[in-house]
Structure formats: structure tokens, C-alpha cells
Amino acid sequence: KRAGYLAETRGQSEFIGQGRLPEARAVELRCIAEFEAQGDPRYQGYAHLYLGDVLLEAGELERADSEARRAADVLHGTPPLRPHALALIARIALNRGD
């Protein structure tokens, strides 16, 4: 499943670049559900992080912030990845004018 996720994530980046945000959102929501079911916090955190990026791009700042914070919580036990979530939280705050 992880290899499929990585392939979908590359596709998700293209979706964002092409403005295909509903498709990018669908990919991440599906991945979150799969990785929660598998009990894989690392990839679950990645998926929350990427969903936060999608929501930020869509201008849904409150939902983006919620996903970024969820990613930070899930990735708490994965120190090398948690800074990415914290950086997304900061980007969202900048976009809100905080």
C-alpha cells in the first residue's frame, strides 16, 4: 500500500499544480482512512500533511490548520517528519495574517 501511496502522492502534486484540488483531496482522504486502518502513524501523518497542503491551496485555512495540527500530533513520535507539519502550520498562519 505504501508504494501505491507514494505514486498517488506524486499524482497529487500534479493535481495541485493543475488546480485539480478535489481529486487531490480525494487521494489524501482515502490514504488517511487506509493508514488509520493499518495503524501506520508515519504514513497517516504524511497524508494529513498533504491534505493540509491541498486545503491551503484551496483557501480553506481553518481546515488546513486542523489537518496540519493533526499531522503534527500523529508525527509526534517521528521527529524527522514533524517539522514539516509545524512549517505548514506556520504557512497557514501567514496566509491568515496571524
Protein backbone atom coordinates (compact mmCIF):
# COMPACT_ATOMS: atom_id res chain seq x y z
CA LYS A 1 0.00 0.00 0.00
CA ARG A 2 2.85 2.40 0.70
CA ALA A 3 4.22 2.14 -2.84
CA GLY A 4 0.76 2.92 -4.15
CA TYR A 5 0.54 5.88 -1.78
CA LEU A 6 3.84 7.26 -2.96
CA ALA A 7 2.70 7.00 -6.56
CA GLU A 8 -0.61 8.67 -5.69
CA THR A 9 1.22 11.42 -3.80
CA ARG A 10 3.27 12.22 -6.88
CA GLY A 11 0.00 12.38 -8.78
CA GLN A 12 -1.48 14.53 -6.02
CA SER A 13 1.30 17.09 -6.54
CA GLU A 14 0.36 17.23 -10.20
CA PHE A 15 -3.31 17.62 -9.25
CA ILE A 16 -2.43 20.64 -7.12
CA GLY A 17 -0.29 22.14 -9.89
CA GLN A 18 -3.15 21.70 -12.34
CA GLY A 19 -5.74 23.10 -9.93
CA ARG A 20 -7.44 19.69 -9.60
CA LEU A 21 -7.92 20.11 -5.87
CA PRO A 22 -10.99 17.87 -5.44
CA GLU A 23 -9.02 14.96 -6.87
CA ALA A 24 -6.01 15.70 -4.67
CA ARG A 25 -8.30 15.90 -1.63
CA ALA A 26 -9.91 12.56 -2.51
CA VAL A 27 -6.49 10.87 -2.75
CA GLU A 28 -5.46 12.07 0.69
CA LEU A 29 -8.77 11.27 2.37
CA ARG A 30 -8.59 7.74 1.00
CA CYS A 31 -4.98 7.39 2.18
CA ILE A 32 -5.79 8.70 5.65
CA ALA A 33 -8.51 6.09 6.04
CA GLU A 34 -6.24 3.29 4.79
CA PHE A 35 -3.31 4.20 7.03
CA GLU A 36 -5.54 4.69 10.08
CA ALA A 37 -6.94 1.20 9.47
CA GLN A 38 -3.41 -0.18 9.17
CA GLY A 39 -2.22 1.64 12.30
CA ASP A 40 0.61 3.32 10.40
CA PRO A 41 1.15 6.72 12.03
CA ARG A 42 4.03 7.77 9.79
CA TYR A 43 2.09 7.50 6.54
CA GLN A 44 -1.10 8.67 8.22
CA GLY A 45 0.79 11.80 9.26
CA TYR A 46 2.07 12.29 5.72
CA ALA A 47 -1.47 12.05 4.38
CA HIS A 48 -2.78 14.62 6.88
CA LEU A 49 0.13 16.86 5.95
CA TYR A 50 -0.55 16.62 2.22
CA LEU A 51 -4.28 17.14 2.79
CA GLY A 52 -3.38 20.30 4.71
CA ASP A 53 -1.40 21.46 1.66
CA VAL A 54 -4.40 20.81 -0.59
CA LEU A 55 -6.73 22.70 1.73
CA LEU A 56 -4.30 25.60 1.99
CA GLU A 57 -4.15 25.80 -1.78
CA ALA A 58 -7.98 25.75 -1.86
CA GLY A 59 -8.09 28.65 0.61
CA GLU A 60 -9.72 26.54 3.34
CA LEU A 61 -7.42 27.86 6.02
CA GLU A 62 -9.25 26.57 9.10
CA ARG A 63 -9.50 23.03 7.74
CA ALA A 64 -5.88 23.23 6.53
CA ASP A 65 -4.81 24.27 10.02
CA SER A 66 -6.77 21.40 11.54
CA GLU A 67 -5.10 18.86 9.23
CA ALA A 68 -1.65 20.33 9.81
CA ARG A 69 -2.13 20.12 13.58
CA ARG A 70 -3.41 16.57 13.25
CA ALA A 71 -0.29 15.74 11.24
CA ALA A 72 1.91 17.30 13.94
CA ASP A 73 0.15 15.22 16.61
CA VAL A 74 0.36 11.98 14.63
CA LEU A 75 4.01 12.62 13.71
CA HIS A 76 4.99 13.50 17.28
CA GLY A 77 6.82 10.16 17.57
CA THR A 78 8.59 10.73 14.24
CA PRO A 79 10.92 13.67 14.92
CA PRO A 80 12.41 13.96 11.42
CA LEU A 81 8.94 14.47 9.89
CA ARG A 82 7.19 16.60 12.49
CA PRO A 83 8.95 19.86 11.43
CA HIS A 84 7.17 19.63 8.07
CA ALA A 85 3.82 19.79 9.87
CA LEU A 86 5.00 22.68 12.02
CA ALA A 87 6.16 24.52 8.90
CA LEU A 88 2.72 24.02 7.32
CA ILE A 89 1.08 25.43 10.46
CA ALA A 90 3.32 28.49 10.11
CA ARG A 91 2.49 28.89 6.39
CA ILE A 92 -1.21 28.75 7.19
CA ALA A 93 -0.79 31.37 9.93
CA LEU A 94 1.00 33.63 7.46
CA ASN A 95 -1.83 33.21 4.98
CA ARG A 96 -4.35 34.14 7.68
CA GLY A 97 -2.30 37.19 8.57
CA ASP A 98 -1.53 35.92 12.10
